Amino acid sequence: QPERQITAEIIREKALQYLQDEIPH
């Protein structure tokens, strides 16, 4: 996986962690 893709996924993971259930999808 390119570093850019892993970086984007890390940010999405943190959003999944902190946001309400209906938003992350």
PDB file of all heavy atoms in Angstrom:
ATOM      1  N   GLN A   1       0.830  -1.198   0.000  1.00  0.00           N
ATOM      2  CA  GLN A   1       0.000   0.000   0.000  1.00  0.00           C
ATOM      3  C   GLN A   1       0.876   1.264   0.000  1.00  0.00           C
ATOM      4  O   GLN A   1       1.809   1.364   0.804  1.00  0.00           O
ATOM      5  CB  GLN A   1      -0.911   0.040   1.233  1.00  0.00           C
ATOM      6  CG  GLN A   1      -1.733  -1.217   1.436  1.00  0.00           C
ATOM      7  CD  GLN A   1      -2.612  -1.542   0.247  1.00  0.00           C
ATOM      8  OE1 GLN A   1      -3.427  -0.730  -0.169  1.00  0.00           O
ATOM      9  NE2 GLN A   1      -2.446  -2.733  -0.308  1.00  0.00           N
ATOM     10  N   PRO A   2       0.594   2.241  -0.864  1.00  0.00           N
ATOM     11  CA  PRO A   2       1.361   3.496  -0.860  1.00  0.00           C
ATOM     12  C   PRO A   2       1.159   4.256   0.457  1.00  0.00           C
ATOM     13  O   PRO A   2       0.121   4.124   1.118  1.00  0.00           O
ATOM     14  CB  PRO A   2       0.754   4.291  -2.031  1.00  0.00           C
ATOM     15  CG  PRO A   2      -0.004   3.303  -2.845  1.00  0.00           C
ATOM     16  CD  PRO A   2      -0.435   2.224  -1.902  1.00  0.00           C
ATOM     17  N   GLU A   3       2.157   5.052   0.834  1.00  0.00           N
ATOM     18  CA  GLU A   3       2.070   5.819   2.082  1.00  0.00           C
ATOM     19  C   GLU A   3       0.864   6.747   2.091  1.00  0.00           C
ATOM     20  O   GLU A   3       0.237   6.957   3.136  1.00  0.00           O
ATOM     21  CB  GLU A   3       3.351   6.630   2.294  1.00  0.00           C
ATOM     22  CG  GLU A   3       4.536   5.774   2.716  1.00  0.00           C
ATOM     23  CD  GLU A   3       5.801   6.582   2.968  1.00  0.00           C
ATOM     24  OE1 GLU A   3       5.850   7.762   2.524  1.00  0.00           O
ATOM     25  OE2 GLU A   3       6.722   6.056   3.614  1.00  0.00           O
ATOM     26  N   ARG A   4       0.532   7.316   0.936  1.00  0.00           N
ATOM     27  CA  ARG A   4      -0.636   8.205   0.865  1.00  0.00           C
ATOM     28  C   ARG A   4      -1.920   7.462   1.242  1.00  0.00           C
ATOM     29  O   ARG A   4      -2.769   7.989   1.959  1.00  0.00           O
ATOM     30  CB  ARG A   4      -0.787   8.789  -0.546  1.00  0.00           C
ATOM     31  CG  ARG A   4       0.104  10.001  -0.807  1.00  0.00           C
ATOM     32  CD  ARG A   4      -0.066  10.491  -2.224  1.00  0.00           C
ATOM     33  NE  ARG A   4       0.666  11.735  -2.440  1.00  0.00           N
ATOM     34  CZ  ARG A   4       0.097  12.909  -2.670  1.00  0.00           C
ATOM     35  NH1 ARG A   4      -1.219  13.012  -2.731  1.00  0.00           N
ATOM     36  NH2 ARG A   4       0.824  13.993  -2.865  1.00  0.00           N
ATOM     37  N   GLN A   5      -2.055   6.246   0.725  1.00  0.00           N
ATOM     38  CA  GLN A   5      -3.263   5.479   1.012  1.00  0.00           C
ATOM     39  C   GLN A   5      -3.331   5.097   2.488  1.00  0.00           C
ATOM     40  O   GLN A   5      -4.388   5.180   3.115  1.00  0.00           O
ATOM     41  CB  GLN A   5      -3.310   4.225   0.146  1.00  0.00           C
ATOM     42  CG  GLN A   5      -4.604   3.419   0.327  1.00  0.00           C
ATOM     43  CD  GLN A   5      -4.714   2.260  -0.644  1.00  0.00           C
ATOM     44  OE1 GLN A   5      -4.072   2.244  -1.693  1.00  0.00           O
ATOM     45  NE2 GLN A   5      -5.520   1.273  -0.302  1.00  0.00           N
ATOM     46  N   ILE A   6      -2.208   4.674   3.053  1.00  0.00           N
ATOM     47  CA  ILE A   6      -2.191   4.317   4.476  1.00  0.00           C
ATOM     48  C   ILE A   6      -2.508   5.544   5.329  1.00  0.00           C
ATOM     49  O   ILE A   6      -3.256   5.459   6.310  1.00  0.00           O
ATOM     50  CB  ILE A   6      -0.821   3.721   4.872  1.00  0.00           C
ATOM     51  CG1 ILE A   6      -0.549   2.433   4.099  1.00  0.00           C
ATOM     52  CG2 ILE A   6      -0.771   3.450   6.369  1.00  0.00           C
ATOM     53  CD1 ILE A   6       0.842   1.859   4.326  1.00  0.00           C
ATOM     54  N   THR A   7      -1.964   6.695   4.941  1.00  0.00           N
ATOM     55  CA  THR A   7      -2.229   7.938   5.669  1.00  0.00           C
ATOM     56  C   THR A   7      -3.710   8.283   5.649  1.00  0.00           C
ATOM     57  O   THR A   7      -4.304   8.640   6.682  1.00  0.00           O
ATOM     58  CB  THR A   7      -1.413   9.096   5.057  1.00  0.00           C
ATOM     59  OG1 THR A   7      -0.014   8.796   5.208  1.00  0.00           O
ATOM     60  CG2 THR A   7      -1.715  10.416   5.749  1.00  0.00           C
ATOM     61  N   ALA A   8      -4.335   8.173   4.476  1.00  0.00           N
ATOM     62  CA  ALA A   8      -5.773   8.451   4.362  1.00  0.00           C
ATOM     63  C   ALA A   8      -6.584   7.506   5.241  1.00  0.00           C
ATOM     64  O   ALA A   8      -7.544   7.912   5.911  1.00  0.00           O
ATOM     65  CB  ALA A   8      -6.218   8.340   2.908  1.00  0.00           C
ATOM     66  N   GLU A   9      -6.171   6.236   5.272  1.00  0.00           N
ATOM     67  CA  GLU A   9      -6.890   5.254   6.079  1.00  0.00           C
ATOM     68  C   GLU A   9      -6.715   5.514   7.572  1.00  0.00           C
ATOM     69  O   GLU A   9      -7.642   5.307   8.367  1.00  0.00           O
ATOM     70  CB  GLU A   9      -6.412   3.840   5.720  1.00  0.00           C
ATOM     71  CG  GLU A   9      -6.917   3.337   4.387  1.00  0.00           C
ATOM     72  CD  GLU A   9      -8.420   3.087   4.409  1.00  0.00           C
ATOM     73  OE1 GLU A   9      -8.837   1.967   4.771  1.00  0.00           O
ATOM     74  OE2 GLU A   9      -9.180   4.018   4.084  1.00  0.00           O
ATOM     75  N   ILE A  10      -5.543   5.969   7.976  1.00  0.00           N
ATOM     76  CA  ILE A  10      -5.318   6.312   9.393  1.00  0.00           C
ATOM     77  C   ILE A  10      -6.289   7.416   9.822  1.00  0.00           C
ATOM     78  O   ILE A  10      -6.900   7.355  10.900  1.00  0.00           O
ATOM     79  CB  ILE A  10      -3.860   6.754   9.625  1.00  0.00           C
ATOM     80  CG1 ILE A  10      -2.915   5.551   9.545  1.00  0.00           C
ATOM     81  CG2 ILE A  10      -3.703   7.459  10.978  1.00  0.00           C
ATOM     82  CD1 ILE A  10      -1.439   5.911   9.552  1.00  0.00           C
ATOM     83  N   ILE A  11      -6.433   8.412   8.978  1.00  0.00           N
ATOM     84  CA  ILE A  11      -7.337   9.530   9.309  1.00  0.00           C
ATOM     85  C   ILE A  11      -8.779   9.033   9.383  1.00  0.00           C
ATOM     86  O   ILE A  11      -9.537   9.407  10.292  1.00  0.00           O
ATOM     87  CB  ILE A  11      -7.188  10.654   8.268  1.00  0.00           C
ATOM     88  CG1 ILE A  11      -5.775  11.266   8.378  1.00  0.00           C
ATOM     89  CG2 ILE A  11      -8.243  11.743   8.478  1.00  0.00           C
ATOM     90  CD1 ILE A  11      -5.375  12.095   7.198  1.00  0.00           C
ATOM     91  N   ARG A  12      -9.147   8.159   8.457  1.00  0.00           N
ATOM     92  CA  ARG A  12     -10.521   7.620   8.480  1.00  0.00           C
ATOM     93  C   ARG A  12     -10.734   6.764   9.720  1.00  0.00           C
ATOM     94  O   ARG A  12     -11.829   6.772  10.317  1.00  0.00           O
ATOM     95  CB  ARG A  12     -10.799   6.817   7.210  1.00  0.00           C
ATOM     96  CG  ARG A  12     -12.279   6.465   7.022  1.00  0.00           C
ATOM     97  CD  ARG A  12     -12.557   5.988   5.610  1.00  0.00           C
ATOM     98  NE  ARG A  12     -11.894   4.736   5.311  1.00  0.00           N
ATOM     99  CZ  ARG A  12     -12.405   3.531   5.594  1.00  0.00           C
ATOM    100  NH1 ARG A  12     -13.586   3.435   6.189  1.00  0.00           N
ATOM    101  NH2 ARG A  12     -11.756   2.440   5.270  1.00  0.00           N
ATOM    102  N   GLU A  13      -9.701   6.044  10.149  1.00  0.00           N
ATOM    103  CA  GLU A  13      -9.819   5.235  11.356  1.00  0.00           C
ATOM    104  C   GLU A  13     -10.124   6.111  12.571  1.00  0.00           C
ATOM    105  O   GLU A  13     -10.980   5.756  13.407  1.00  0.00           O
ATOM    106  CB  GLU A  13      -8.527   4.466  11.600  1.00  0.00           C
ATOM    107  CG  GLU A  13      -8.557   3.626  12.873  1.00  0.00           C
ATOM    108  CD  GLU A  13      -7.205   3.022  13.213  1.00  0.00           C
ATOM    109  OE1 GLU A  13      -6.228   3.784  13.316  1.00  0.00           O
ATOM    110  OE2 GLU A  13      -7.137   1.792  13.376  1.00  0.00           O
ATOM    111  N   LYS A  14      -9.428   7.247  12.688  1.00  0.00           N
ATOM    112  CA  LYS A  14      -9.662   8.128  13.832  1.00  0.00           C
ATOM    113  C   LYS A  14     -11.055   8.737  13.779  1.00  0.00           C
ATOM    114  O   LYS A  14     -11.699   8.929  14.816  1.00  0.00           O
ATOM    115  CB  LYS A  14      -8.594   9.225  13.893  1.00  0.00           C
ATOM    116  CG  LYS A  14      -7.165   8.695  13.943  1.00  0.00           C
ATOM    117  CD  LYS A  14      -6.968   7.592  14.980  1.00  0.00           C
ATOM    118  CE  LYS A  14      -5.568   7.013  14.902  1.00  0.00           C
ATOM    119  NZ  LYS A  14      -5.395   5.832  15.789  1.00  0.00           N
ATOM    120  N   ALA A  15     -11.523   9.027  12.573  1.00  0.00           N
ATOM    121  CA  ALA A  15     -12.899   9.525  12.437  1.00  0.00           C
ATOM    122  C   ALA A  15     -13.897   8.459  12.872  1.00  0.00           C
ATOM    123  O   ALA A  15     -14.881   8.748  13.568  1.00  0.00           O
ATOM    124  CB  ALA A  15     -13.159   9.958  10.993  1.00  0.00           C
ATOM    125  N   LEU A  16     -13.638   7.203  12.481  1.00  0.00           N
ATOM    126  CA  LEU A  16     -14.501   6.100  12.910  1.00  0.00           C
ATOM    127  C   LEU A  16     -14.519   5.984  14.424  1.00  0.00           C
ATOM    128  O   LEU A  16     -15.540   5.668  15.044  1.00  0.00           O
ATOM    129  CB  LEU A  16     -13.995   4.780  12.312  1.00  0.00           C
ATOM    130  CG  LEU A  16     -14.276   4.517  10.835  1.00  0.00           C
ATOM    131  CD1 LEU A  16     -13.406   3.375  10.327  1.00  0.00           C
ATOM    132  CD2 LEU A  16     -15.733   4.194  10.592  1.00  0.00           C
ATOM    133  N   GLN A  17     -13.373   6.241  15.017  1.00  0.00           N
ATOM    134  CA  GLN A  17     -13.225   6.088  16.466  1.00  0.00           C
ATOM    135  C   GLN A  17     -14.028   7.134  17.239  1.00  0.00           C
ATOM    136  O   GLN A  17     -14.634   6.833  18.270  1.00  0.00           O
ATOM    137  CB  GLN A  17     -11.748   6.199  16.829  1.00  0.00           C
ATOM    138  CG  GLN A  17     -11.437   6.031  18.296  1.00  0.00           C
ATOM    139  CD  GLN A  17      -9.938   6.116  18.572  1.00  0.00           C
ATOM    140  OE1 GLN A  17      -9.108   5.921  17.672  1.00  0.00           O
ATOM    141  NE2 GLN A  17      -9.583   6.411  19.805  1.00  0.00           N
ATOM    142  N   TYR A  18     -14.046   8.371  16.738  1.00  0.00           N
ATOM    143  CA  TYR A  18     -14.609   9.467  17.524  1.00  0.00           C
ATOM    144  C   TYR A  18     -16.018   9.902  17.122  1.00  0.00           C
ATOM    145  O   TYR A  18     -16.700  10.547  17.912  1.00  0.00           O
ATOM    146  CB  TYR A  18     -13.688  10.689  17.441  1.00  0.00           C
ATOM    147  CG  TYR A  18     -12.380  10.507  18.161  1.00  0.00           C
ATOM    148  CD1 TYR A  18     -11.169  10.497  17.459  1.00  0.00           C
ATOM    149  CD2 TYR A  18     -12.323  10.328  19.536  1.00  0.00           C
ATOM    150  CE1 TYR A  18      -9.957  10.332  18.117  1.00  0.00           C
ATOM    151  CE2 TYR A  18     -11.122  10.157  20.200  1.00  0.00           C
ATOM    152  CZ  TYR A  18      -9.945  10.165  19.484  1.00  0.00           C
ATOM    153  OH  TYR A  18      -8.751   9.990  20.133  1.00  0.00           O
ATOM    154  N   LEU A  19     -16.455   9.557  15.911  1.00  0.00           N
ATOM    155  CA  LEU A  19     -17.727  10.100  15.424  1.00  0.00           C
ATOM    156  C   LEU A  19     -18.895   9.159  15.689  1.00  0.00           C
ATOM    157  O   LEU A  19     -18.713   7.962  15.928  1.00  0.00           O
ATOM    158  CB  LEU A  19     -17.641  10.403  13.928  1.00  0.00           C
ATOM    159  CG  LEU A  19     -16.683  11.534  13.556  1.00  0.00           C
ATOM    160  CD1 LEU A  19     -16.511  11.601  12.051  1.00  0.00           C
ATOM    161  CD2 LEU A  19     -17.183  12.870  14.087  1.00  0.00           C
ATOM    162  N   GLN A  20     -20.096   9.713  15.588  1.00  0.00           N
ATOM    163  CA  GLN A  20     -21.313   8.945  15.822  1.00  0.00           C
ATOM    164  C   GLN A  20     -21.479   7.867  14.747  1.00  0.00           C
ATOM    165  O   GLN A  20     -20.974   7.986  13.635  1.00  0.00           O
ATOM    166  CB  GLN A  20     -22.529   9.880  15.809  1.00  0.00           C
ATOM    167  CG  GLN A  20     -22.483  10.957  16.888  1.00  0.00           C
ATOM    168  CD  GLN A  20     -23.588  11.976  16.711  1.00  0.00           C
ATOM    169  OE1 GLN A  20     -24.531  11.774  15.965  1.00  0.00           O
ATOM    170  NE2 GLN A  20     -23.460  13.102  17.399  1.00  0.00           N
ATOM    171  N   ASP A  21     -22.244   6.824  15.083  1.00  0.00           N
ATOM    172  CA  ASP A  21     -22.353   5.648  14.217  1.00  0.00           C
ATOM    173  C   ASP A  21     -22.826   5.956  12.803  1.00  0.00           C
ATOM    174  O   ASP A  21     -22.389   5.322  11.853  1.00  0.00           O
ATOM    175  CB  ASP A  21     -23.305   4.620  14.849  1.00  0.00           C
ATOM    176  CG  ASP A  21     -22.678   3.949  16.061  1.00  0.00           C
ATOM    177  OD1 ASP A  21     -21.464   4.109  16.254  1.00  0.00           O
ATOM    178  OD2 ASP A  21     -23.410   3.287  16.809  1.00  0.00           O
ATOM    179  N   GLU A  22     -23.744   6.905  12.642  1.00  0.00           N
ATOM    180  CA  GLU A  22     -24.334   7.118  11.312  1.00  0.00           C
ATOM    181  C   GLU A  22     -23.435   7.925  10.385  1.00  0.00           C
ATOM    182  O   GLU A  22     -23.665   7.984   9.183  1.00  0.00           O
ATOM    183  CB  GLU A  22     -25.700   7.827  11.434  1.00  0.00           C
ATOM    184  CG  GLU A  22     -25.628   9.291  11.863  1.00  0.00           C
ATOM    185  CD  GLU A  22     -25.644   9.473  13.374  1.00  0.00           C
ATOM    186  OE1 GLU A  22     -25.405   8.490  14.091  1.00  0.00           O
ATOM    187  OE2 GLU A  22     -25.904  10.596  13.816  1.00  0.00           O
ATOM    188  N   ILE A  23     -22.388   8.539  10.894  1.00  0.00           N
ATOM    189  CA  ILE A  23     -21.562   9.419  10.071  1.00  0.00           C
ATOM    190  C   ILE A  23     -20.421   8.693   9.351  1.00  0.00           C
ATOM    191  O   ILE A  23     -20.211   8.915   8.165  1.00  0.00           O
ATOM    192  CB  ILE A  23     -21.003  10.587  10.922  1.00  0.00           C
ATOM    193  CG1 ILE A  23     -22.163  11.441  11.436  1.00  0.00           C
ATOM    194  CG2 ILE A  23     -20.037  11.443  10.110  1.00  0.00           C
ATOM    195  CD1 ILE A  23     -21.733  12.558  12.355  1.00  0.00           C
ATOM    196  N   PRO A  24     -19.659   7.811  10.021  1.00  0.00           N
ATOM    197  CA  PRO A  24     -18.446   7.273   9.389  1.00  0.00           C
ATOM    198  C   PRO A  24     -18.639   6.586   8.048  1.00  0.00           C
ATOM    199  O   PRO A  24     -17.762   6.630   7.196  1.00  0.00           O
ATOM    200  CB  PRO A  24     -17.928   6.287  10.442  1.00  0.00           C
ATOM    201  CG  PRO A  24     -18.410   6.841  11.740  1.00  0.00           C
ATOM    202  CD  PRO A  24     -19.772   7.390  11.423  1.00  0.00           C
ATOM    203  N   HIS A  25     -19.778   5.919   7.844  1.00  0.00           N
ATOM    204  CA  HIS A  25     -19.991   5.224   6.569  1.00  0.00           C
ATOM    205  C   HIS A  25     -20.062   6.203   5.407  1.00  0.00           C
ATOM    206  O   HIS A  25     -19.832   5.824   4.262  1.00  0.00           O
ATOM    207  CB  HIS A  25     -21.268   4.387   6.635  1.00  0.00           C
ATOM    208  CG  HIS A  25     -21.217   3.319   7.682  1.00  0.00           C
ATOM    209  ND1 HIS A  25     -20.203   2.385   7.745  1.00  0.00           N
ATOM    210  CD2 HIS A  25     -22.040   3.032   8.720  1.00  0.00           C
ATOM    211  CE1 HIS A  25     -20.401   1.577   8.774  1.00  0.00           C
ATOM    212  NE2 HIS A  25     -21.505   1.955   9.384  1.00  0.00           N
TER     213      HIS A  25
END
